Amino acid sequence: MLRPLAVVLSLAASASAIWPAPISMTQGNSTLWLTQTVEITYNGDFMPYTYGYTPTGPDWTSKDIVQGGVSRALGQIFGDYFVPWMLHTREEQATFEPKVMSNKTWIESLEITQTGEDSEDTWKAAAGEVDESYSLSLSKDGKAKIGAASSIGVLHALQTFTQLFYRHSGGPFWYTPMAPIDIEDSPTFAHRGLLMDVSRHYFPMEDIYRTLDALSWNKMNRLHIHATDSQSWPLEIPSLPEVSAKGAYHPSLVYTPTDLKNIQEYGAMRAVQVIIEIDMPGHIGVLGESHPELVVAYDERPYYWWCAQPPCGALRLNNSDVDEFLGTLFEDLLPRVSPYSSYFHTGGDELNANDSMLDPGVQSNDTEVLKPLLQNFIDLNHGRVKDAGLTPIVWEEMAIDWDIDMDPETTVVQSWLGTVSNLTEKGFKVIDTNYNFWYLDCGRGQWLTFDNDANATFYPFNDWCGPTKPWQLIYSHDPTEGLPEEQAKLVIGGEVAAWSETIDPANMDTLVWPRAGAAAEVLWSGRYDADGEPRSQLDAAPRLQEMRARMVTRGVKASPITQQWCVQMGGDPLACSYDLNPYGH
């Protein structure tokens, strides 16, 4: 039976496996083979492929960055052993690969041209300050070309290049069935990130490195590390060694200054800027372990009178010792952040006014009493951030609930409660992390325990932000939905959030990936296609499944998004979809 025309077109559209979807792409159906001796040039000069090449920073050059990207890209292609049997039906298993013994057209050259010059700030640029666009072509006779205005664009192009190739099951041969190819691509949003909470659970360095790798594969460019909270302080501060010595879960569960430097450089070399957050003045109770004189309401019971989750604790808002402590903290930390980032996150969420009732210098929970003290707190500490050459990021409560006066030109606000329109009306640049769509930890049950008398009240023990956010829901979210054009321009992007109450190294990968990748396509490609139509799950699912398979091959334990049968039938949009009008009737 002939397929309806709409289905045939859909099959053709899903043949391209690139994730996130390029802005413009044409492809053919000829096979090209990639040789391990491919000749690479960068701006006309020969560039060797050195397996595992890693430049040292932060004083690297554009060529260093590109050479590192080339090394990783070819290492992925030649080292992944990605034979995509799982993407083909049982009937196709014997025929989907090209014949190894046939005459081959080899890709013998990869010509990389960077048309613009990087500045010293390219690898730590603020949102919108670096051109991330690129072009990629692969001719039928085997000439590959990459063009980009910046080394960042080159890195994105190289990640797309890796997605063109598969390993042959018959031996060490790598091929693409999609030549000739022409791609023009650029991101819709400049800020495309993941929040990783390393306070509620500690994550070893290899987990952070692997996460940075996965972000770069998905063309996400920010890792927001929520470094401290009331539960633990794992970040070593050399001028204040007692803070992590007493505040970490264990003396071994800390990030040293060398660790922080390595994380930041690892990200920068992959076009992922690392943003550090010290949450304050709330969410800082653990500081009471080393400096009880600076904190009020630390581990007060019952916790829900004093904070959103235990242990409670907030900084004293009318205390010169707090100012002195934060001055020392920032003098130590900010110069180690500023070479690698344009931003520093100062927290500001969920401050409970009741805490200040226990503060000897305040003894009130009256907003009119607290607001001027909080204004002074923000002015002083945001001033320190700006003096270090960084832009402060703050959670939305400071702007919305407390109505703190902050300069919209020099402050970015992150929204998790869905108040984007309120923030853009005030003129703020906004990062969207709407918990209704982009919280990856939701829907998995309570982290609290209950006595028998409370069972009936809290049964079936759902968490506060359920249900779970499946990739389809994440994919449906448009950070600028409903905003007038001028306000929409103020939304610089978004982040998915992996709060770690019930996430640790054992399940991090499975809960973040590939769902974070669904947000990556929204942020890179836009929620709407070139025709103004919402991007379809029918087109996205086969590509996301392939991206997930590549990530698993590279060591990321990404969760499946559907059963294997549906993956094998991915080319048939009617196999595992619910279409109200499948035949256009």
Protein backbone atom coordinates (compact mmCIF):
# COMPACT_ATOMS: atom_id res chain seq x y z
CA MET A 1 0.00 0.00 0.00
CA LEU A 2 1.30 3.46 -0.85
CA ARG A 3 1.96 5.70 2.10
CA PRO A 4 0.02 8.97 2.24
CA LEU A 5 2.05 11.91 1.00
CA ALA A 6 2.20 13.49 4.47
CA VAL A 7 3.85 10.38 5.87
CA VAL A 8 6.39 10.20 3.04
CA LEU A 9 7.36 13.80 3.68
CA SER A 10 7.70 13.10 7.38
CA LEU A 11 9.98 10.15 6.70
CA ALA A 12 12.18 12.33 4.53
CA ALA A 13 12.32 15.03 7.19
CA SER A 14 13.42 12.58 9.88
CA ALA A 15 16.31 11.26 7.79
CA SER A 16 18.46 14.07 9.14
CA ALA A 17 19.69 12.96 12.54
CA ILE A 18 21.23 16.24 13.69
CA TRP A 19 20.40 17.34 17.24
CA PRO A 20 19.59 20.11 17.89
CA ALA A 21 17.99 20.79 14.52
CA PRO A 22 20.00 23.17 12.31
CA ILE A 23 18.29 26.33 11.13
CA SER A 24 18.83 25.25 7.52
CA MET A 25 19.98 21.89 6.16
CA THR A 26 19.91 20.11 2.83
CA GLN A 27 21.19 16.59 2.35
CA GLY A 28 21.51 13.86 -0.23
CA ASN A 29 21.67 10.08 -0.08
CA SER A 30 25.20 9.34 -1.27
CA THR A 31 27.68 7.51 0.94
CA LEU A 32 31.07 8.95 1.83
CA TRP A 33 33.75 7.30 3.96
CA LEU A 34 35.96 9.10 6.47
CA THR A 35 39.62 8.17 6.61
CA GLN A 36 41.66 8.40 9.80
CA THR A 37 44.30 10.23 7.78
CA VAL A 38 41.91 13.02 6.82
CA GLU A 39 43.88 16.22 6.16
CA ILE A 40 42.75 19.13 8.27
CA THR A 41 43.51 22.79 7.69
CA TYR A 42 42.68 25.79 9.84
CA ASN A 43 42.71 29.13 8.03
CA GLY A 44 44.86 27.53 5.36
CA ASP A 45 47.45 26.02 7.70
CA PHE A 46 47.84 22.30 8.28
CA MET A 47 46.41 21.21 11.64
CA PRO A 48 47.46 17.80 12.95
CA TYR A 49 44.94 15.42 14.41
CA THR A 50 46.49 14.61 17.78
CA TYR A 51 44.39 12.19 19.78
CA GLY A 52 43.58 13.61 23.21
CA TYR A 53 45.08 17.03 22.50
CA THR A 54 44.20 19.43 25.31
CA PRO A 55 45.39 23.04 25.36
CA THR A 56 46.42 24.67 28.62
CA GLY A 57 44.70 27.87 29.66
CA PRO A 58 43.46 30.35 30.23
CA ASP A 59 45.94 31.98 27.80
CA TRP A 60 45.07 29.66 24.92
CA THR A 61 44.73 30.84 21.32
CA SER A 62 41.90 30.30 18.88
CA LYS A 63 44.01 27.67 17.14
CA ASP A 64 44.49 25.84 20.45
CA ILE A 65 40.74 25.79 21.05
CA VAL A 66 39.99 24.59 17.52
CA GLN A 67 42.71 21.93 17.59
CA GLY A 68 41.28 20.61 20.84
CA GLY A 69 37.83 20.53 19.25
CA VAL A 70 39.14 18.67 16.20
CA SER A 71 40.86 16.14 18.44
CA ARG A 72 37.68 15.48 20.41
CA ALA A 73 35.43 15.34 17.34
CA LEU A 74 37.56 12.82 15.46
CA GLY A 75 38.17 10.90 18.68
CA GLN A 76 34.40 10.60 19.08
CA ILE A 77 33.86 9.44 15.51
CA PHE A 78 36.69 6.92 15.46
CA GLY A 79 36.31 5.85 19.09
CA ASP A 80 32.55 5.65 19.59
CA TYR A 81 31.98 2.37 17.74
CA PHE A 82 28.47 3.61 17.07
CA VAL A 83 26.87 0.98 14.82
CA PRO A 84 23.25 2.19 14.68
CA TRP A 85 21.46 -1.16 14.44
CA MET A 86 18.96 0.02 17.05
CA LEU A 87 17.69 2.69 14.64
CA HIS A 88 16.63 0.20 11.99
CA THR A 89 13.87 -2.39 11.78
CA ARG A 90 14.51 -6.11 11.87
CA GLU A 91 13.95 -6.23 8.13
CA GLU A 92 16.64 -3.58 7.57
CA GLN A 93 19.32 -5.12 9.76
CA ALA A 94 21.09 -6.90 6.88
CA THR A 95 20.84 -4.04 4.41
CA PHE A 96 21.04 -0.64 6.14
CA GLU A 97 24.84 -0.44 5.99
CA PRO A 98 26.75 0.30 2.77
CA LYS A 99 28.85 -2.57 1.44
CA VAL A 100 32.40 -2.49 2.78
CA MET A 101 33.81 -4.08 -0.37
CA SER A 102 32.26 -1.52 -2.72
CA ASN A 103 34.22 1.30 -4.35
CA LYS A 104 34.54 4.08 -1.82
CA THR A 105 34.60 7.85 -2.09
CA TRP A 106 36.74 9.06 0.77
CA ILE A 107 36.55 12.30 2.72
CA GLU A 108 40.19 13.23 2.58
CA SER A 109 40.10 16.88 3.66
CA LEU A 110 38.40 19.02 6.27
CA GLU A 111 38.91 22.74 5.65
CA ILE A 112 38.15 24.97 8.65
CA THR A 113 37.93 28.71 8.12
CA GLN A 114 37.40 31.15 10.97
CA THR A 115 36.36 34.44 9.44
CA GLY A 116 36.51 36.57 12.58
CA GLU A 117 39.03 37.11 15.33
CA ASP A 118 38.39 35.97 18.86
CA SER A 119 38.90 38.43 21.66
CA GLU A 120 40.37 37.57 25.05
CA ASP A 121 36.77 37.42 26.33
CA THR A 122 35.34 35.12 23.63
CA TRP A 123 35.43 32.03 25.85
CA LYS A 124 33.75 33.83 28.75
CA ALA A 125 31.48 36.14 26.78
CA ALA A 126 28.22 37.45 28.14
CA ALA A 127 25.03 36.35 26.40
CA GLY A 128 24.91 37.65 22.86
CA GLU A 129 28.49 38.92 22.79
CA VAL A 130 29.94 36.11 20.66
CA ASP A 131 28.84 34.89 17.23
CA GLU A 132 28.08 31.17 17.59
CA SER A 133 26.90 30.64 14.01
CA TYR A 134 28.58 28.24 11.61
CA SER A 135 28.28 26.67 8.19
CA LEU A 136 29.13 23.09 7.30
CA SER A 137 29.25 21.50 3.86
CA LEU A 138 30.22 18.10 2.59
CA SER A 139 30.45 17.74 -1.16
CA LYS A 140 29.62 14.58 -3.08
CA ASP A 141 33.29 14.18 -3.99
CA GLY A 142 34.43 14.24 -0.36
CA LYS A 143 35.42 17.81 0.49
CA ALA A 144 34.33 18.90 3.97
CA LYS A 145 34.27 22.58 4.87
CA ILE A 146 33.48 24.43 8.09
CA GLY A 147 33.11 28.19 8.31
CA ALA A 148 32.48 30.26 11.44
CA ALA A 149 33.10 33.76 12.73
CA SER A 150 34.48 32.51 16.07
CA SER A 151 36.20 29.48 17.51
CA ILE A 152 32.97 28.87 19.46
CA GLY A 153 31.12 28.49 16.16
CA VAL A 154 33.80 26.09 14.94
CA LEU A 155 33.30 23.91 18.03
CA HIS A 156 29.55 23.76 17.40
CA ALA A 157 30.19 22.83 13.75
CA LEU A 158 32.52 20.03 14.79
CA GLN A 159 29.84 18.58 17.06
CA THR A 160 27.42 18.59 14.13
CA PHE A 161 30.13 16.94 12.01
CA THR A 162 30.37 14.04 14.48
CA GLN A 163 26.65 13.35 14.10
CA LEU A 164 26.99 12.67 10.38
CA PHE A 165 28.98 9.45 10.83
CA TYR A 166 28.45 5.86 11.84
CA ARG A 167 30.85 2.98 12.36
CA HIS A 168 30.45 0.00 10.07
CA SER A 169 29.86 -3.34 11.76
CA GLY A 170 32.26 -4.98 9.31
CA GLY A 171 35.39 -3.33 10.62
CA PRO A 172 37.15 -0.01 11.24
CA PHE A 173 35.26 1.99 8.64
CA TRP A 174 33.24 5.15 9.19
CA TYR A 175 30.67 6.50 6.77
CA THR A 176 27.89 9.01 6.24
CA PRO A 177 24.90 8.14 4.04
CA MET A 178 23.75 11.77 3.77
CA ALA A 179 26.10 13.44 1.25
CA PRO A 180 26.05 16.04 -0.14
CA ILE A 181 25.25 18.18 2.89
CA ASP A 182 24.87 21.92 3.38
CA ILE A 183 24.11 23.40 6.80
CA GLU A 184 23.71 26.99 7.97
CA ASP A 185 23.13 27.22 11.69
CA SER A 186 22.96 29.63 14.62
CA PRO A 187 21.28 29.62 18.04
CA THR A 188 17.96 31.24 18.91
CA PHE A 189 18.93 31.93 22.54
CA ALA A 190 22.39 32.92 23.74
CA HIS A 191 22.12 31.29 27.21
CA ARG A 192 21.47 27.53 27.09
CA GLY A 193 22.23 25.84 30.35
CA LEU A 194 21.91 23.25 33.08
CA LEU A 195 21.82 23.96 36.82
CA MET A 196 23.75 21.32 38.76
CA ASP A 197 23.30 21.29 42.54
CA VAL A 198 26.49 20.00 44.19
CA SER A 199 25.47 20.94 47.73
CA ARG A 200 22.65 18.56 48.58
CA HIS A 201 24.72 15.77 47.09
CA TYR A 202 28.41 15.93 46.20
CA PHE A 203 29.45 14.97 42.68
CA PRO A 204 32.98 13.78 41.90
CA MET A 205 34.99 15.63 39.28
CA GLU A 206 34.45 12.95 36.64
CA ASP A 207 30.69 13.49 36.87
CA ILE A 208 31.10 17.20 36.28
CA TYR A 209 33.50 16.61 33.37
CA ARG A 210 31.09 14.13 31.79
CA THR A 211 28.24 16.60 32.20
CA LEU A 212 30.28 19.33 30.51
CA ASP A 213 30.98 16.96 27.62
CA ALA A 214 27.30 16.12 27.24
CA LEU A 215 26.32 19.78 27.34
CA SER A 216 28.72 20.54 24.51
CA TRP A 217 27.38 17.67 22.39
CA ASN A 218 23.90 19.22 22.71
CA LYS A 219 25.21 22.74 21.96
CA MET A 220 24.37 23.92 25.46
CA ASN A 221 26.81 26.58 26.63
CA ARG A 222 26.29 27.13 30.37
CA LEU A 223 26.83 24.96 33.44
CA HIS A 224 25.37 26.73 36.47
CA ILE A 225 26.94 25.14 39.54
CA HIS A 226 24.83 25.71 42.65
CA ALA A 227 27.93 25.37 44.79
CA THR A 228 26.64 25.94 48.33
CA ASP A 229 23.41 25.62 50.28
CA SER A 230 22.28 25.05 53.85
CA GLN A 231 23.09 21.34 53.62
CA SER A 232 26.82 21.56 52.77
CA TRP A 233 29.61 23.88 51.66
CA PRO A 234 31.93 21.78 49.46
CA LEU A 235 33.82 24.71 47.89
CA GLU A 236 37.25 25.34 49.44
CA ILE A 237 38.04 29.01 50.11
CA PRO A 238 41.77 29.29 50.94
CA SER A 239 41.33 32.47 52.96
CA LEU A 240 38.46 30.86 54.90
CA PRO A 241 39.53 27.21 55.19
CA GLU A 242 37.24 26.54 58.14
CA VAL A 243 34.11 27.00 56.01
CA SER A 244 34.54 23.85 53.91
CA ALA A 245 36.49 22.04 56.64
CA LYS A 246 33.41 22.18 58.86
CA GLY A 247 30.74 22.59 56.19
CA ALA A 248 31.51 19.77 53.74
CA TYR A 249 29.81 16.43 54.26
CA HIS A 250 33.26 14.83 54.60
CA PRO A 251 36.80 16.24 54.36
CA SER A 252 37.26 14.41 51.05
CA LEU A 253 34.07 15.79 49.49
CA VAL A 254 35.38 19.21 48.52
CA TYR A 255 36.35 21.12 45.40
CA THR A 256 39.81 22.62 45.75
CA PRO A 257 40.90 25.80 43.94
CA THR A 258 42.66 23.54 41.44
CA ASP A 259 39.43 21.57 40.95
CA LEU A 260 37.51 24.79 40.30
CA LYS A 261 40.13 25.97 37.80
CA ASN A 262 40.06 22.63 36.01
CA ILE A 263 36.26 22.61 35.81
CA GLN A 264 36.19 26.12 34.40
CA GLU A 265 38.91 25.40 31.84
CA TYR A 266 37.39 22.07 30.83
CA GLY A 267 34.13 23.87 30.13
CA ALA A 268 35.71 26.80 28.30
CA MET A 269 37.53 24.47 25.92
CA ARG A 270 34.13 22.98 25.02
CA ALA A 271 32.29 26.30 24.64
CA VAL A 272 30.54 25.79 28.01
CA GLN A 273 30.88 28.68 30.44
CA VAL A 274 30.77 27.64 34.11
CA ILE A 275 28.77 29.94 36.39
CA ILE A 276 29.26 29.62 40.15
CA GLU A 277 26.48 30.35 42.65
CA ILE A 278 26.85 31.10 46.35
CA ASP A 279 23.23 31.22 47.51
CA MET A 280 22.53 33.96 50.05
CA PRO A 281 21.25 35.49 52.28
CA GLY A 282 19.00 32.45 52.76
CA HIS A 283 19.97 28.87 51.96
CA ILE A 284 23.25 29.32 53.83
CA GLY A 285 22.60 27.60 57.15
CA VAL A 286 25.67 25.33 56.99
CA LEU A 287 27.84 28.41 57.52
CA GLY A 288 26.63 28.11 61.10
CA GLU A 289 28.98 25.13 61.52
CA SER A 290 32.04 27.37 61.17
CA HIS A 291 30.62 30.85 61.83
CA PRO A 292 27.55 30.65 64.09
CA GLU A 293 27.90 34.39 64.79
CA LEU A 294 26.96 35.15 61.15
CA VAL A 295 23.83 32.99 60.83
CA VAL A 296 20.39 32.96 62.40
CA ALA A 297 17.83 30.14 62.62
CA TYR A 298 20.39 27.46 61.78
CA ASP A 299 18.67 24.08 62.00
CA GLU A 300 15.71 25.53 63.88
CA ARG A 301 12.80 23.11 64.40
CA PRO A 302 10.19 22.61 63.10
CA TYR A 303 11.97 23.69 59.96
CA TYR A 304 8.88 24.76 58.00
CA TRP A 305 8.43 27.83 60.22
CA TRP A 306 11.85 29.07 59.19
CA CYS A 307 12.71 27.81 55.71
CA ALA A 308 11.60 25.74 52.70
CA GLN A 309 13.68 22.71 53.68
CA PRO A 310 16.07 21.78 56.47
CA PRO A 311 18.46 22.74 57.78
CA CYS A 312 17.37 26.35 57.92
CA GLY A 313 19.64 29.33 58.32
CA ALA A 314 20.12 32.81 56.88
CA LEU A 315 22.73 35.52 57.13
CA ARG A 316 22.19 38.30 59.64
CA LEU A 317 21.08 41.35 57.69
CA ASN A 318 22.31 44.02 60.10
CA ASN A 319 25.74 42.82 61.09
CA SER A 320 29.16 44.21 60.14
CA ASP A 321 30.80 40.82 60.69
CA VAL A 322 28.71 39.43 57.83
CA ASP A 323 29.91 42.23 55.57
CA GLU A 324 33.52 41.56 56.53
CA PHE A 325 33.14 37.81 55.96
CA LEU A 326 31.58 38.29 52.51
CA GLY A 327 34.27 40.80 51.61
CA THR A 328 36.93 38.18 52.37
CA LEU A 329 34.98 35.50 50.52
CA PHE A 330 34.58 37.57 47.37
CA GLU A 331 38.17 38.84 47.39
CA ASP A 332 39.27 35.21 47.37
CA LEU A 333 36.74 33.65 45.01
CA LEU A 334 35.81 36.24 42.38
CA PRO A 335 39.34 36.70 40.95
CA ARG A 336 39.41 32.93 40.39
CA VAL A 337 36.05 33.05 38.58
CA SER A 338 36.47 36.18 36.43
CA PRO A 339 39.05 34.74 33.97
CA TYR A 340 36.49 32.14 32.89
CA SER A 341 33.04 33.70 33.20
CA SER A 342 31.11 36.91 32.73
CA TYR A 343 28.70 36.03 35.53
CA PHE A 344 28.48 35.24 39.22
CA HIS A 345 25.23 34.04 40.80
CA THR A 346 24.40 35.51 44.22
CA GLY A 347 21.29 33.41 44.91
CA GLY A 348 18.47 35.22 46.68
CA ASP A 349 15.65 32.66 46.60
CA GLU A 350 13.23 31.63 49.34
CA LEU A 351 14.40 34.04 52.06
CA ASN A 352 12.08 33.50 55.02
CA ALA A 353 11.37 36.73 56.88
CA ASN A 354 10.80 34.82 60.12
CA ASP A 355 14.54 34.12 60.39
CA SER A 356 15.24 37.76 61.18
CA MET A 357 13.01 37.56 64.23
CA LEU A 358 15.90 35.60 65.79
CA ASP A 359 18.49 38.13 64.61
CA PRO A 360 19.56 40.29 67.60
CA GLY A 361 20.23 43.17 65.22
CA VAL A 362 16.74 43.06 63.67
CA GLN A 363 14.19 41.08 65.74
CA SER A 364 11.44 41.54 63.16
CA ASN A 365 9.83 39.79 60.21
CA ASP A 366 8.18 42.99 58.97
CA THR A 367 8.90 43.51 55.27
CA GLU A 368 9.15 47.27 55.78
CA VAL A 369 11.90 46.69 58.33
CA LEU A 370 13.75 44.05 56.32
CA LYS A 371 13.58 45.57 52.86
CA PRO A 372 16.07 48.45 53.45
CA LEU A 373 18.46 46.03 55.14
CA LEU A 374 18.16 43.65 52.19
CA GLN A 375 18.63 46.54 49.78
CA ASN A 376 21.91 47.43 51.48
CA PHE A 377 22.94 43.77 51.38
CA ILE A 378 22.30 43.51 47.62
CA ASP A 379 23.91 46.87 46.85
CA LEU A 380 27.09 45.97 48.71
CA ASN A 381 27.54 42.46 47.36
CA HIS A 382 26.43 43.12 43.80
CA GLY A 383 28.87 46.01 43.87
CA ARG A 384 31.63 43.58 44.79
CA VAL A 385 30.64 41.29 41.92
CA LYS A 386 30.64 44.17 39.46
CA ASP A 387 33.96 45.48 40.75
CA ALA A 388 35.42 42.07 39.85
CA GLY A 389 34.26 42.56 36.25
CA LEU A 390 31.33 40.16 36.59
CA THR A 391 27.60 40.53 36.07
CA PRO A 392 25.50 39.42 39.05
CA ILE A 393 22.68 36.93 38.54
CA VAL A 394 19.98 36.75 41.18
CA TRP A 395 16.86 34.65 41.71
CA GLU A 396 13.55 36.39 40.95
CA GLU A 397 12.35 36.77 44.56
CA MET A 398 14.71 39.69 45.06
CA ALA A 399 13.04 41.56 42.19
CA ILE A 400 9.45 40.36 42.61
CA ASP A 401 8.75 39.48 46.26
CA TRP A 402 11.10 41.98 47.87
CA ASP A 403 11.05 44.63 45.12
CA ILE A 404 14.75 45.32 45.58
CA ASP A 405 16.09 48.12 43.39
CA MET A 406 18.64 46.60 40.99
CA ASP A 407 20.01 48.05 37.77
CA PRO A 408 18.42 46.14 34.84
CA GLU A 409 21.39 47.08 32.66
CA THR A 410 23.86 45.33 34.92
CA THR A 411 21.82 42.57 36.60
CA VAL A 412 20.40 39.32 35.22
CA VAL A 413 17.42 37.71 36.96
CA GLN A 414 16.71 33.98 36.90
CA SER A 415 13.06 32.95 37.10
CA TRP A 416 11.86 29.61 38.43
CA LEU A 417 8.34 30.62 39.49
CA GLY A 418 7.10 31.67 36.04
CA THR A 419 7.31 35.44 36.49
CA VAL A 420 9.23 36.12 33.27
CA SER A 421 6.73 38.70 32.04
CA ASN A 422 6.89 40.61 35.34
CA LEU A 423 10.66 40.72 35.09
CA THR A 424 10.83 41.80 31.46
CA GLU A 425 8.29 44.53 32.22
CA LYS A 426 10.84 45.86 34.70
CA GLY A 427 13.48 45.76 31.96
CA PHE A 428 15.57 42.87 33.34
CA LYS A 429 17.41 40.38 31.21
CA VAL A 430 15.99 37.01 32.20
CA ILE A 431 17.05 33.36 32.36
CA ASP A 432 13.98 31.10 32.36
CA THR A 433 13.96 27.98 34.56
CA ASN A 434 10.21 27.52 34.94
CA TYR A 435 9.67 24.67 37.42
CA ASN A 436 6.45 23.64 35.68
CA PHE A 437 8.50 22.57 32.66
CA TRP A 438 12.24 22.52 33.28
CA TYR A 439 12.83 21.04 36.76
CA LEU A 440 14.40 17.64 36.13
CA ASP A 441 14.09 16.39 39.72
CA CYS A 442 10.29 16.63 39.96
CA GLY A 443 7.74 13.86 40.17
CA ARG A 444 9.82 11.25 41.94
CA GLY A 445 8.38 11.35 45.44
CA GLN A 446 9.18 13.07 48.73
CA TRP A 447 12.63 13.40 50.21
CA LEU A 448 10.90 13.75 53.61
CA THR A 449 9.80 10.88 55.83
CA PHE A 450 6.51 10.82 57.78
CA ASP A 451 5.31 9.26 60.99
CA ASN A 452 2.26 7.03 60.94
CA ASP A 453 -0.10 9.81 62.01
CA ALA A 454 0.91 11.88 58.96
CA ASN A 455 0.68 9.06 56.43
CA ALA A 456 -2.93 9.66 55.55
CA THR A 457 -2.33 13.36 55.02
CA PHE A 458 0.67 12.99 52.73
CA TYR A 459 -0.20 9.72 50.96
CA PRO A 460 0.92 8.87 48.24
CA PHE A 461 3.95 10.97 49.23
CA ASN A 462 4.30 13.03 46.06
CA ASP A 463 6.85 15.79 45.92
CA TRP A 464 5.89 19.45 45.66
CA CYS A 465 6.62 19.91 41.96
CA GLY A 466 5.31 16.70 40.43
CA PRO A 467 4.51 15.28 38.03
CA THR A 468 7.75 14.26 36.35
CA LYS A 469 8.63 16.49 33.42
CA PRO A 470 8.90 14.14 30.41
CA TRP A 471 10.88 15.21 27.38
CA GLN A 472 7.63 16.04 25.56
CA LEU A 473 6.66 18.59 28.23
CA ILE A 474 10.17 20.05 28.33
CA TYR A 475 10.08 20.29 24.53
CA SER A 476 6.72 22.11 24.59
CA HIS A 477 7.96 25.08 26.61
CA ASP A 478 8.69 28.41 24.95
CA PRO A 479 10.50 30.82 27.32
CA THR A 480 9.11 33.84 25.44
CA GLU A 481 5.52 32.66 25.05
CA GLY A 482 3.05 35.52 25.28
CA LEU A 483 5.68 38.25 25.53
CA PRO A 484 5.62 41.34 23.32
CA GLU A 485 8.55 41.41 20.90
CA GLU A 486 10.58 43.97 22.84
CA GLN A 487 10.18 42.04 26.08
CA ALA A 488 10.95 38.74 24.39
CA LYS A 489 14.35 40.14 23.40
CA LEU A 490 15.19 40.43 27.10
CA VAL A 491 14.91 36.65 27.62
CA ILE A 492 18.53 35.67 27.04
CA GLY A 493 17.77 31.97 27.36
CA GLY A 494 17.04 29.27 29.88
CA GLU A 495 18.31 26.49 32.09
CA VAL A 496 16.98 23.10 33.08
CA ALA A 497 17.55 22.42 36.76
CA ALA A 498 18.88 19.27 38.43
CA TRP A 499 18.28 20.00 42.12
CA SER A 500 19.87 17.14 43.97
CA GLU A 501 17.72 16.26 46.98
CA THR A 502 17.19 12.85 45.35
CA ILE A 503 19.88 12.99 42.67
CA ASP A 504 23.42 11.75 43.23
CA PRO A 505 26.20 10.28 41.06
CA ALA A 506 24.31 6.97 40.74
CA ASN A 507 21.32 8.47 38.90
CA MET A 508 22.50 11.87 37.65
CA ASP A 509 22.91 10.85 34.02
CA THR A 510 19.61 9.00 33.81
CA LEU A 511 17.62 11.93 35.18
CA VAL A 512 19.33 14.69 33.19
CA TRP A 513 19.78 13.03 29.81
CA PRO A 514 18.32 13.06 27.26
CA ARG A 515 15.61 15.31 28.78
CA ALA A 516 18.02 18.23 29.03
CA GLY A 517 18.62 17.73 25.34
CA ALA A 518 14.94 18.46 24.65
CA ALA A 519 15.45 21.90 26.19
CA ALA A 520 18.69 22.22 24.23
CA GLU A 521 16.79 22.05 20.94
CA VAL A 522 14.21 24.58 22.13
CA LEU A 523 16.99 26.97 23.12
CA TRP A 524 19.17 26.41 20.05
CA SER A 525 16.63 25.86 17.28
CA GLY A 526 13.67 27.72 18.74
CA ARG A 527 10.28 26.37 19.72
CA TYR A 528 8.94 27.21 16.26
CA ASP A 529 10.27 26.22 12.86
CA ALA A 530 10.95 28.46 9.84
CA ASP A 531 7.25 28.35 8.92
CA GLY A 532 6.19 29.54 12.36
CA GLU A 533 4.80 26.15 13.36
CA PRO A 534 5.59 24.50 16.71
CA ARG A 535 8.31 21.89 16.26
CA SER A 536 6.77 18.43 16.09
CA GLN A 537 7.49 15.56 18.44
CA LEU A 538 7.14 13.29 15.41
CA ASP A 539 10.22 14.87 13.87
CA ALA A 540 12.07 15.30 17.16
CA ALA A 541 11.68 11.82 18.63
CA PRO A 542 13.80 9.84 16.11
CA ARG A 543 16.57 12.43 16.27
CA LEU A 544 16.50 12.57 20.07
CA GLN A 545 16.60 8.77 20.18
CA GLU A 546 19.68 8.77 17.97
CA MET A 547 21.33 11.46 20.07
CA ARG A 548 20.59 9.43 23.17
CA ALA A 549 22.17 6.35 21.56
CA ARG A 550 25.32 8.33 20.72
CA MET A 551 25.53 9.61 24.30
CA VAL A 552 25.24 6.10 25.71
CA THR A 553 28.03 4.98 23.38
CA ARG A 554 30.17 7.80 24.81
CA GLY A 555 29.61 6.73 28.40
CA VAL A 556 26.62 8.83 29.47
CA LYS A 557 23.90 6.64 31.00
CA ALA A 558 21.05 8.53 29.37
CA SER A 559 17.57 7.12 29.91
CA PRO A 560 15.50 5.72 27.06
CA ILE A 561 12.56 7.84 25.98
CA THR A 562 10.54 4.97 24.56
CA GLN A 563 10.65 1.20 24.05
CA GLN A 564 13.19 -0.31 21.67
CA TRP A 565 10.54 -1.28 19.11
CA CYS A 566 9.54 2.36 18.71
CA VAL A 567 13.19 3.36 18.29
CA GLN A 568 13.57 0.81 15.49
CA MET A 569 10.38 2.11 13.89
CA GLY A 570 11.52 5.72 14.27
CA GLY A 571 11.24 6.37 10.55
CA ASP A 572 7.52 5.61 10.65
CA PRO A 573 5.72 8.44 12.41
CA LEU A 574 2.55 6.37 12.79
CA ALA A 575 4.24 3.49 14.61
CA CYS A 576 4.43 4.96 18.11
CA SER A 577 2.52 8.22 17.91
CA TYR A 578 -0.98 9.41 18.59
CA ASP A 579 -2.13 11.31 15.52
CA LEU A 580 -5.71 12.57 15.54
CA ASN A 581 -5.67 12.86 11.76
CA PRO A 582 -3.06 10.36 10.51
CA TYR A 583 -4.15 10.23 6.87
CA GLY A 584 -5.18 13.82 6.41
CA HIS A 585 -8.93 12.97 6.42
